[in-house]
Structures are given as structure tokens and as C-alpha cells.
Amino acid sequence: MTVWHDNDTFWVDTASFMFSPSRWEQTPAEVDHMLELLKLSPGDAVLDLPCGPGRHSLELARRGFKVTGVDRTSQYLVWARQKADAEALGVEWVEADMRSFRRPGAYSAIVNLLTSFGYFEDQADDCRVAEHFFAGLQPGGQLLMEMMGKECLARIFRERDWHQADDGTLWLEERKLSPDWGWVDVHWISIRDSQRREHRFGHRLYAATELVALLREVGFDPVTVFGSLEGEPYDHNAKRLVLLARKPEGEM
């Protein structure tokens, strides 16, 4: 049986919810904040992994960066290429799994956004991805990660919730936590007109200290924690878990 993160149907069916028009509208502001943290210069090489349908990859390319967008979902890359071609943006699109994509010393920065880490039941796969991130950076390069941290979820957790998307689809969500708060299983039901679809998935939950320890273990130093892309503190008011991790100078 195909696991959820390797199921194209899951990613295509949920794309309108995860990448809604309102989320696309937020992208320029998000990139503004990302660049404030990363301190990049136009022309720097940036890896967006996974890139989804290219929200951040396209915006970074508009600002003069040399961008590689990597995702395992072919349809996302079709949509991304169409948008890039329409604007004559020279983004490199690569279809690959984050557990296997590795380009040593190729990038000034790597971005991993929208809780796109911790998909895999075997935590060794998370470590492998982190090692690929470290290897892919030039000495002094930086990794920027943004996700729902365990502490943030604990403050706002609801077992059941619902949301009406921009296109009118009603999304019902049910969440179940593992006893040690290390994993969350999620059940989504979408209802629009007479169509009802269901999807189940899960991912690992990381506290700030846990993810900092993982990144340091693979070689990053320092690792700085924020509570939003705006650089706010990771405290009891934090919106998201954001980490900025540097590959030390002299590391290959």
C-alpha cells in the first residue's frame, strides 16, 4: 500500500486547500521576511525543497535569485513550469524525493517551508534529509525551516475543526495525537457540491529543542530559533517554529 506522502492523488486533491489564492497572495511578504533572515544577494543559488507548485521558487526567481525547485509530485511541477514560462522565469524544476536529492556545495541557501519536514515514519529518513540539506549548502550557507512546532500546536490544539476554502469547499479536519506527542494523525474530509473526498496522513511533531539537536547533530552551527518568519521570539505567543541554521565556514 502506498504511504500518503508518495500518493499523487493526495497532493493533487488537496492542492486548492494547501495552496489557496490567499496563500499565494501572502508569498511576496513571506519572501521579504525570509530574505531579511537569510541576508542573500541577487544571483545567489537557492534550493526550495519541497517546492510544491512553486510559490516561493517563483517569487525568489522574480527577485533575481538562481532557483532550484524540487518536489516529488509531477503535477505540481507542471503547474510551476507553466507559471514560470508565462513570466519567462528561469527556474530549474526537478522531480525528486527529498530523501534522495543531494547536490553537494551547490547552494547559498535552502528553504524548507509550510511544515514540509517530518513526513516519514522512520525518523532516520528525517536525519537523512537534514544531512542532504547540510551537504547541499556552500560553506557559510544557511538553511531556513518553517513549520508548526510542537509548542505552538499544544497551545492551539483542537481535536476537530472545519474551514471553508476560497473556492467554497468545506474542509473538515480531525486530529489524533500519539501518547508522547511525537506524531499527529490527521483525517481530512472535503465537501463541495455533491462530491466528498477523504484523505488521511500524519507527520512527526518537533519541539524546538528536538529539531535544533537534530540539525546540530548533522553539523549545523549555530542554529537560531524564531517564532515566525518575521523573526519574532519563539515564546508562548509564537505562531510558527522557524529555524535558521548555518553551515560553518570551512565545512565541505
C-alpha atoms as a PDB file:
ATOM      1  CA  MET A   1       0.000   0.000   0.000  1.00  0.00           C
ATOM      2  CA  THR A   2       1.327   3.446  -0.984  1.00  0.00           C
ATOM      3  CA  VAL A   3       2.035   5.687   2.002  1.00  0.00           C
ATOM      4  CA  TRP A   4       0.296   9.056   1.966  1.00  0.00           C
ATOM      5  CA  HIS A   5       3.323  11.169   1.091  1.00  0.00           C
ATOM      6  CA  ASP A   6       4.003   9.050  -2.013  1.00  0.00           C
ATOM      7  CA  ASN A   7       0.402   9.281  -3.214  1.00  0.00           C
ATOM      8  CA  ASP A   8      -0.043  11.748  -6.081  1.00  0.00           C
ATOM      9  CA  THR A   9      -3.803  11.788  -5.572  1.00  0.00           C
ATOM     10  CA  PHE A  10      -3.402  13.182  -2.065  1.00  0.00           C
ATOM     11  CA  TRP A  11      -1.242  16.094  -3.217  1.00  0.00           C
ATOM     12  CA  VAL A  12      -3.386  16.968  -6.240  1.00  0.00           C
ATOM     13  CA  ASP A  13      -6.729  16.691  -4.412  1.00  0.00           C
ATOM     14  CA  THR A  14      -5.567  18.905  -1.529  1.00  0.00           C
ATOM     15  CA  ALA A  15      -3.678  21.483  -3.602  1.00  0.00           C
ATOM     16  CA  SER A  16      -6.539  24.004  -3.714  1.00  0.00           C
ATOM     17  CA  PHE A  17      -6.646  23.953   0.101  1.00  0.00           C
ATOM     18  CA  MET A  18      -2.918  23.995   0.830  1.00  0.00           C
ATOM     19  CA  PHE A  19      -2.101  26.493  -1.929  1.00  0.00           C
ATOM     20  CA  SER A  20      -5.191  28.689  -1.930  1.00  0.00           C
ATOM     21  CA  PRO A  21      -5.315  32.082  -3.694  1.00  0.00           C
ATOM     22  CA  SER A  22      -4.983  33.838  -0.344  1.00  0.00           C
ATOM     23  CA  ARG A  23      -1.831  31.837   0.418  1.00  0.00           C
ATOM     24  CA  TRP A  24      -0.368  32.790  -2.974  1.00  0.00           C
ATOM     25  CA  GLU A  25      -1.103  36.426  -2.153  1.00  0.00           C
ATOM     26  CA  GLN A  26       0.929  36.114   1.054  1.00  0.00           C
ATOM     27  CA  THR A  27       4.012  34.866  -0.801  1.00  0.00           C
ATOM     28  CA  PRO A  28       5.767  38.200  -1.566  1.00  0.00           C
ATOM     29  CA  ALA A  29       5.558  39.249   2.103  1.00  0.00           C
ATOM     30  CA  GLU A  30       6.823  35.834   3.213  1.00  0.00           C
ATOM     31  CA  VAL A  31       9.793  36.114   0.859  1.00  0.00           C
ATOM     32  CA  ASP A  32      10.501  39.613   2.186  1.00  0.00           C
ATOM     33  CA  HIS A  33      10.806  38.162   5.691  1.00  0.00           C
ATOM     34  CA  MET A  34      12.841  35.172   4.501  1.00  0.00           C
ATOM     35  CA  LEU A  35      15.377  37.441   2.818  1.00  0.00           C
ATOM     36  CA  GLU A  36      15.665  39.578   5.952  1.00  0.00           C
ATOM     37  CA  LEU A  37      16.699  36.441   7.856  1.00  0.00           C
ATOM     38  CA  LEU A  38      18.921  34.932   5.166  1.00  0.00           C
ATOM     39  CA  LYS A  39      20.700  38.143   4.051  1.00  0.00           C
ATOM     40  CA  LEU A  40      21.097  36.900   0.480  1.00  0.00           C
ATOM     41  CA  SER A  41      22.259  38.827  -2.585  1.00  0.00           C
ATOM     42  CA  PRO A  42      20.608  38.603  -6.028  1.00  0.00           C
ATOM     43  CA  GLY A  43      22.295  35.892  -8.049  1.00  0.00           C
ATOM     44  CA  ASP A  44      22.775  33.597  -5.066  1.00  0.00           C
ATOM     45  CA  ALA A  45      21.721  29.968  -5.617  1.00  0.00           C
ATOM     46  CA  VAL A  46      18.668  28.928  -3.579  1.00  0.00           C
ATOM     47  CA  LEU A  47      17.074  25.496  -3.213  1.00  0.00           C
ATOM     48  CA  ASP A  48      13.348  25.320  -2.409  1.00  0.00           C
ATOM     49  CA  LEU A  49      12.665  21.766  -1.173  1.00  0.00           C
ATOM     50  CA  PRO A  50       9.941  20.697  -1.417  1.00  0.00           C
ATOM     51  CA  CYS A  51       8.700  23.479  -3.672  1.00  0.00           C
ATOM     52  CA  GLY A  52       5.087  22.358  -4.245  1.00  0.00           C
ATOM     53  CA  PRO A  53       3.593  24.295  -7.184  1.00  0.00           C
ATOM     54  CA  GLY A  54       6.362  26.869  -6.897  1.00  0.00           C
ATOM     55  CA  ARG A  55       5.028  29.650  -4.685  1.00  0.00           C
ATOM     56  CA  HIS A  56       8.354  30.669  -3.184  1.00  0.00           C
ATOM     57  CA  SER A  57      10.555  29.466  -6.048  1.00  0.00           C
ATOM     58  CA  LEU A  58       8.792  31.773  -8.495  1.00  0.00           C
ATOM     59  CA  GLU A  59       8.944  34.783  -6.182  1.00  0.00           C
ATOM     60  CA  LEU A  60      12.639  34.225  -5.500  1.00  0.00           C
ATOM     61  CA  ALA A  61      13.299  33.985  -9.232  1.00  0.00           C
ATOM     62  CA  ARG A  62      11.451  37.272  -9.793  1.00  0.00           C
ATOM     63  CA  ARG A  63      13.943  38.870  -7.419  1.00  0.00           C
ATOM     64  CA  GLY A  64      16.979  37.698  -9.311  1.00  0.00           C
ATOM     65  CA  PHE A  65      17.979  34.540  -7.472  1.00  0.00           C
ATOM     66  CA  LYS A  66      19.174  31.365  -9.160  1.00  0.00           C
ATOM     67  CA  VAL A  67      16.467  28.964  -8.013  1.00  0.00           C
ATOM     68  CA  THR A  68      16.097  25.196  -7.997  1.00  0.00           C
ATOM     69  CA  GLY A  69      12.640  23.926  -7.060  1.00  0.00           C
ATOM     70  CA  VAL A  70      12.418  20.252  -6.129  1.00  0.00           C
ATOM     71  CA  ASP A  71       9.267  18.237  -5.494  1.00  0.00           C
ATOM     72  CA  ARG A  72       8.195  14.605  -5.812  1.00  0.00           C
ATOM     73  CA  THR A  73       4.739  15.446  -7.243  1.00  0.00           C
ATOM     74  CA  SER A  74       4.887  15.733 -11.032  1.00  0.00           C
ATOM     75  CA  GLN A  75       1.637  17.689 -11.343  1.00  0.00           C
ATOM     76  CA  TYR A  76       2.956  20.387  -9.006  1.00  0.00           C
ATOM     77  CA  LEU A  77       5.962  20.802 -11.281  1.00  0.00           C
ATOM     78  CA  VAL A  78       3.715  21.002 -14.353  1.00  0.00           C
ATOM     79  CA  TRP A  79       1.837  23.890 -12.754  1.00  0.00           C
ATOM     80  CA  ALA A  80       5.079  25.515 -11.612  1.00  0.00           C
ATOM     81  CA  ARG A  81       6.647  25.306 -15.081  1.00  0.00           C
ATOM     82  CA  GLN A  82       3.538  26.834 -16.651  1.00  0.00           C
ATOM     83  CA  LYS A  83       3.732  29.833 -14.331  1.00  0.00           C
ATOM     84  CA  ALA A  84       7.483  30.207 -14.837  1.00  0.00           C
ATOM     85  CA  ASP A  85       7.148  30.014 -18.625  1.00  0.00           C
ATOM     86  CA  ALA A  86       4.366  32.609 -18.604  1.00  0.00           C
ATOM     87  CA  GLU A  87       6.728  35.052 -16.870  1.00  0.00           C
ATOM     88  CA  ALA A  88       9.917  33.909 -18.615  1.00  0.00           C
ATOM     89  CA  LEU A  89      11.466  32.946 -15.280  1.00  0.00           C
ATOM     90  CA  GLY A  90      14.475  30.631 -15.448  1.00  0.00           C
ATOM     91  CA  VAL A  91      13.760  28.274 -12.556  1.00  0.00           C
ATOM     92  CA  GLU A  92      15.242  24.776 -12.584  1.00  0.00           C
ATOM     93  CA  TRP A  93      12.485  22.296 -11.709  1.00  0.00           C
ATOM     94  CA  VAL A  94      13.492  18.823 -10.516  1.00  0.00           C
ATOM     95  CA  GLU A  95      11.186  15.897  -9.775  1.00  0.00           C
ATOM     96  CA  ALA A  96      12.793  14.056  -6.852  1.00  0.00           C
ATOM     97  CA  ASP A  97      12.156  12.780  -3.347  1.00  0.00           C
ATOM     98  CA  MET A  98      13.768  14.830  -0.568  1.00  0.00           C
ATOM     99  CA  ARG A  99      15.282  11.629   0.798  1.00  0.00           C
ATOM    100  CA  SER A 100      17.374  11.220  -2.342  1.00  0.00           C
ATOM    101  CA  PHE A 101      18.013  14.724  -3.751  1.00  0.00           C
ATOM    102  CA  ARG A 102      21.569  15.794  -2.920  1.00  0.00           C
ATOM    103  CA  ARG A 103      23.871  18.331  -4.609  1.00  0.00           C
ATOM    104  CA  PRO A 104      26.990  18.909  -2.525  1.00  0.00           C
ATOM    105  CA  GLY A 105      28.034  22.524  -2.077  1.00  0.00           C
ATOM    106  CA  ALA A 106      25.564  23.886  -4.627  1.00  0.00           C
ATOM    107  CA  TYR A 107      23.520  26.461  -2.699  1.00  0.00           C
ATOM    108  CA  SER A 108      23.868  29.647  -0.684  1.00  0.00           C
ATOM    109  CA  ALA A 109      20.537  28.901   0.989  1.00  0.00           C
ATOM    110  CA  ILE A 110      17.982  26.107   1.288  1.00  0.00           C
ATOM    111  CA  VAL A 111      14.376  26.765   2.312  1.00  0.00           C
ATOM    112  CA  ASN A 112      12.014  24.128   3.703  1.00  0.00           C
ATOM    113  CA  LEU A 113       8.625  25.707   4.379  1.00  0.00           C
ATOM    114  CA  LEU A 114       4.986  25.054   5.346  1.00  0.00           C
ATOM    115  CA  THR A 115       5.632  22.076   7.665  1.00  0.00           C
ATOM    116  CA  SER A 116       7.396  20.102   4.937  1.00  0.00           C
ATOM    117  CA  PHE A 117       9.619  18.116   7.294  1.00  0.00           C
ATOM    118  CA  GLY A 118       8.832  15.054   9.393  1.00  0.00           C
ATOM    119  CA  TYR A 119       6.662  13.147   6.923  1.00  0.00           C
ATOM    120  CA  PHE A 120       8.383   9.806   7.385  1.00  0.00           C
ATOM    121  CA  GLU A 121       7.566   7.161   9.983  1.00  0.00           C
ATOM    122  CA  ASP A 122      11.232   6.182  10.205  1.00  0.00           C
ATOM    123  CA  GLN A 123      12.993   9.111  11.853  1.00  0.00           C
ATOM    124  CA  ALA A 124      16.220   8.037  10.172  1.00  0.00           C
ATOM    125  CA  ASP A 125      14.688   9.461   6.981  1.00  0.00           C
ATOM    126  CA  ASP A 126      14.377  12.864   8.653  1.00  0.00           C
ATOM    127  CA  CYS A 127      18.048  12.653   9.592  1.00  0.00           C
ATOM    128  CA  ARG A 128      18.913  11.720   6.015  1.00  0.00           C
ATOM    129  CA  VAL A 129      17.044  14.770   4.693  1.00  0.00           C
ATOM    130  CA  ALA A 130      18.854  17.012   7.196  1.00  0.00           C
ATOM    131  CA  GLU A 131      22.185  15.549   6.058  1.00  0.00           C
ATOM    132  CA  HIS A 132      21.269  16.329   2.429  1.00  0.00           C
ATOM    133  CA  PHE A 133      20.453  19.909   3.437  1.00  0.00           C
ATOM    134  CA  PHE A 134      23.835  20.263   5.136  1.00  0.00           C
ATOM    135  CA  ALA A 135      25.707  18.725   2.209  1.00  0.00           C
ATOM    136  CA  GLY A 136      23.881  20.914  -0.318  1.00  0.00           C
ATOM    137  CA  LEU A 137      24.995  24.187   1.226  1.00  0.00           C
ATOM    138  CA  GLN A 138      28.163  26.071   0.448  1.00  0.00           C
ATOM    139  CA  PRO A 139      30.377  26.812   3.490  1.00  0.00           C
ATOM    140  CA  GLY A 140      28.616  29.578   5.408  1.00  0.00           C
ATOM    141  CA  GLY A 141      25.323  28.806   3.669  1.00  0.00           C
ATOM    142  CA  GLN A 142      22.068  28.733   5.593  1.00  0.00           C
ATOM    143  CA  LEU A 143      19.020  26.519   5.958  1.00  0.00           C
ATOM    144  CA  LEU A 144      15.652  28.132   6.741  1.00  0.00           C
ATOM    145  CA  MET A 145      12.898  25.846   8.045  1.00  0.00           C
ATOM    146  CA  GLU A 146       9.323  26.881   8.906  1.00  0.00           C
ATOM    147  CA  MET A 147       6.677  24.614  10.417  1.00  0.00           C
ATOM    148  CA  MET A 148       4.060  24.085  13.101  1.00  0.00           C
ATOM    149  CA  GLY A 149       6.153  23.413  16.192  1.00  0.00           C
ATOM    150  CA  LYS A 150       5.022  21.112  18.951  1.00  0.00           C
ATOM    151  CA  GLU A 151       4.812  24.005  21.416  1.00  0.00           C
ATOM    152  CA  CYS A 152       2.644  26.073  19.048  1.00  0.00           C
ATOM    153  CA  LEU A 153       0.311  23.150  18.421  1.00  0.00           C
ATOM    154  CA  ALA A 154      -0.046  22.459  22.137  1.00  0.00           C
ATOM    155  CA  ARG A 155      -1.342  25.991  22.677  1.00  0.00           C
ATOM    156  CA  ILE A 156      -3.967  25.921  19.911  1.00  0.00           C
ATOM    157  CA  PHE A 157      -4.741  22.193  19.599  1.00  0.00           C
ATOM    158  CA  ARG A 158      -8.270  21.215  18.655  1.00  0.00           C
ATOM    159  CA  GLU A 159      -9.290  17.631  18.057  1.00  0.00           C
ATOM    160  CA  ARG A 160     -11.771  18.643  15.362  1.00  0.00           C
ATOM    161  CA  ASP A 161     -12.012  21.704  13.178  1.00  0.00           C
ATOM    162  CA  TRP A 162     -13.525  22.948   9.925  1.00  0.00           C
ATOM    163  CA  HIS A 163     -12.633  25.553   7.348  1.00  0.00           C
ATOM    164  CA  GLN A 164     -14.262  26.920   4.203  1.00  0.00           C
ATOM    165  CA  ALA A 165     -11.692  27.370   1.462  1.00  0.00           C
ATOM    166  CA  ASP A 166     -11.501  30.225  -1.030  1.00  0.00           C
ATOM    167  CA  ASP A 167     -13.229  28.097  -3.675  1.00  0.00           C
ATOM    168  CA  GLY A 168     -16.164  27.273  -1.369  1.00  0.00           C
ATOM    169  CA  THR A 169     -15.046  23.757  -0.480  1.00  0.00           C
ATOM    170  CA  LEU A 170     -15.792  22.771   3.116  1.00  0.00           C
ATOM    171  CA  TRP A 171     -12.843  21.071   4.801  1.00  0.00           C
ATOM    172  CA  LEU A 172     -13.394  19.028   7.953  1.00  0.00           C
ATOM    173  CA  GLU A 173     -10.317  18.056   9.949  1.00  0.00           C
ATOM    174  CA  GLU A 174      -9.826  15.534  12.729  1.00  0.00           C
ATOM    175  CA  ARG A 175      -6.507  15.157  14.568  1.00  0.00           C
ATOM    176  CA  LYS A 176      -5.229  12.427  16.858  1.00  0.00           C
ATOM    177  CA  LEU A 177      -2.012  12.760  18.838  1.00  0.00           C
ATOM    178  CA  SER A 178       0.294   9.939  19.808  1.00  0.00           C
ATOM    179  CA  PRO A 179       0.637   9.479  23.608  1.00  0.00           C
ATOM    180  CA  ASP A 180       4.136  11.006  23.603  1.00  0.00           C
ATOM    181  CA  TRP A 181       3.179  13.957  21.371  1.00  0.00           C
ATOM    182  CA  GLY A 182       5.721  12.775  18.830  1.00  0.00           C
ATOM    183  CA  TRP A 183       3.263  12.209  15.987  1.00  0.00           C
ATOM    184  CA  VAL A 184      -0.107  13.502  14.804  1.00  0.00           C
ATOM    185  CA  ASP A 185      -2.534  11.596  12.555  1.00  0.00           C
ATOM    186  CA  VAL A 186      -4.883  13.759  10.521  1.00  0.00           C
ATOM    187  CA  HIS A 187      -8.136  12.937   8.736  1.00  0.00           C
ATOM    188  CA  TRP A 188      -9.363  15.449   6.142  1.00  0.00           C
ATOM    189  CA  ILE A 189     -12.826  15.376   4.549  1.00  0.00           C
ATOM    190  CA  SER A 190     -13.579  17.807   1.726  1.00  0.00           C
ATOM    191  CA  ILE A 191     -17.145  18.501   0.616  1.00  0.00           C
ATOM    192  CA  ARG A 192     -18.079  20.548  -2.433  1.00  0.00           C
ATOM    193  CA  ASP A 193     -21.398  20.322  -4.285  1.00  0.00           C
ATOM    194  CA  SER A 194     -22.137  16.588  -4.247  1.00  0.00           C
ATOM    195  CA  GLN A 195     -18.513  15.459  -4.054  1.00  0.00           C
ATOM    196  CA  ARG A 196     -16.957  14.158  -0.841  1.00  0.00           C
ATOM    197  CA  ARG A 197     -13.330  13.090  -0.578  1.00  0.00           C
ATOM    198  CA  GLU A 198     -11.295  11.782   2.340  1.00  0.00           C
ATOM    199  CA  HIS A 199      -7.581  11.784   2.997  1.00  0.00           C
ATOM    200  CA  ARG A 200      -5.552  10.504   5.921  1.00  0.00           C
ATOM    201  CA  PHE A 201      -1.969  11.460   6.662  1.00  0.00           C
ATOM    202  CA  GLY A 202       0.395  12.004   9.552  1.00  0.00           C
ATOM    203  CA  HIS A 203       3.687  13.599  10.421  1.00  0.00           C
ATOM    204  CA  ARG A 204       6.239  13.881  13.194  1.00  0.00           C
ATOM    205  CA  LEU A 205       5.946  16.770  15.630  1.00  0.00           C
ATOM    206  CA  TYR A 206       9.155  18.543  16.577  1.00  0.00           C
ATOM    207  CA  ALA A 207       9.762  20.731  19.594  1.00  0.00           C
ATOM    208  CA  ALA A 208      12.339  23.461  19.066  1.00  0.00           C
ATOM    209  CA  THR A 209      14.944  21.686  21.211  1.00  0.00           C
ATOM    210  CA  GLU A 210      14.446  18.410  19.314  1.00  0.00           C
ATOM    211  CA  LEU A 211      14.900  19.951  15.881  1.00  0.00           C
ATOM    212  CA  VAL A 212      17.840  22.086  16.992  1.00  0.00           C
ATOM    213  CA  ALA A 213      19.521  18.923  18.312  1.00  0.00           C
ATOM    214  CA  LEU A 214      18.923  17.079  15.025  1.00  0.00           C
ATOM    215  CA  LEU A 215      20.379  19.923  12.946  1.00  0.00           C
ATOM    216  CA  ARG A 216      23.396  20.281  15.208  1.00  0.00           C
ATOM    217  CA  GLU A 217      23.983  16.540  15.031  1.00  0.00           C
ATOM    218  CA  VAL A 218      24.415  16.704  11.248  1.00  0.00           C
ATOM    219  CA  GLY A 219      26.812  19.659  11.552  1.00  0.00           C
ATOM    220  CA  PHE A 220      24.871  22.939  11.583  1.00  0.00           C
ATOM    221  CA  ASP A 221      26.186  25.605  13.944  1.00  0.00           C
ATOM    222  CA  PRO A 222      24.756  27.947  15.036  1.00  0.00           C
ATOM    223  CA  VAL A 223      21.031  27.158  14.923  1.00  0.00           C
ATOM    224  CA  THR A 224      18.763  30.093  15.800  1.00  0.00           C
ATOM    225  CA  VAL A 225      15.069  29.717  16.663  1.00  0.00           C
ATOM    226  CA  PHE A 226      12.288  32.210  15.867  1.00  0.00           C
ATOM    227  CA  GLY A 227       8.534  32.274  16.370  1.00  0.00           C
ATOM    228  CA  SER A 228       7.668  33.490  12.868  1.00  0.00           C
ATOM    229  CA  LEU A 229       9.275  34.382   9.566  1.00  0.00           C
ATOM    230  CA  GLU A 230       9.183  37.972  10.825  1.00  0.00           C
ATOM    231  CA  GLY A 231      11.860  36.981  13.353  1.00  0.00           C
ATOM    232  CA  GLU A 232       9.689  37.149  16.479  1.00  0.00           C
ATOM    233  CA  PRO A 233      10.776  35.224  19.614  1.00  0.00           C
ATOM    234  CA  TYR A 234       9.853  31.570  19.973  1.00  0.00           C
ATOM    235  CA  ASP A 235       7.856  32.052  23.148  1.00  0.00           C
ATOM    236  CA  HIS A 236       4.309  31.421  24.392  1.00  0.00           C
ATOM    237  CA  ASN A 237       2.967  33.718  21.632  1.00  0.00           C
ATOM    238  CA  ALA A 238       4.897  32.073  18.777  1.00  0.00           C
ATOM    239  CA  LYS A 239       2.916  31.489  15.580  1.00  0.00           C
ATOM    240  CA  ARG A 240       5.302  29.012  13.965  1.00  0.00           C
ATOM    241  CA  LEU A 241       8.605  27.271  14.576  1.00  0.00           C
ATOM    242  CA  VAL A 242      11.268  28.853  12.369  1.00  0.00           C
ATOM    243  CA  LEU A 243      14.918  27.777  12.413  1.00  0.00           C
ATOM    244  CA  LEU A 244      17.875  29.432  10.762  1.00  0.00           C
ATOM    245  CA  ALA A 245      20.831  27.035  10.655  1.00  0.00           C
ATOM    246  CA  ARG A 246      24.279  27.851   9.289  1.00  0.00           C
ATOM    247  CA  LYS A 247      26.853  25.523   7.782  1.00  0.00           C
ATOM    248  CA  PRO A 248      30.177  26.508   9.360  1.00  0.00           C
ATOM    249  CA  GLU A 249      32.842  28.139   7.195  1.00  0.00           C
ATOM    250  CA  GLY A 250      35.421  25.606   6.161  1.00  0.00           C
ATOM    251  CA  GLU A 251      32.929  22.703   6.083  1.00  0.00           C
ATOM    252  CA  MET A 252      32.596  20.929   2.753  1.00  0.00           C
END
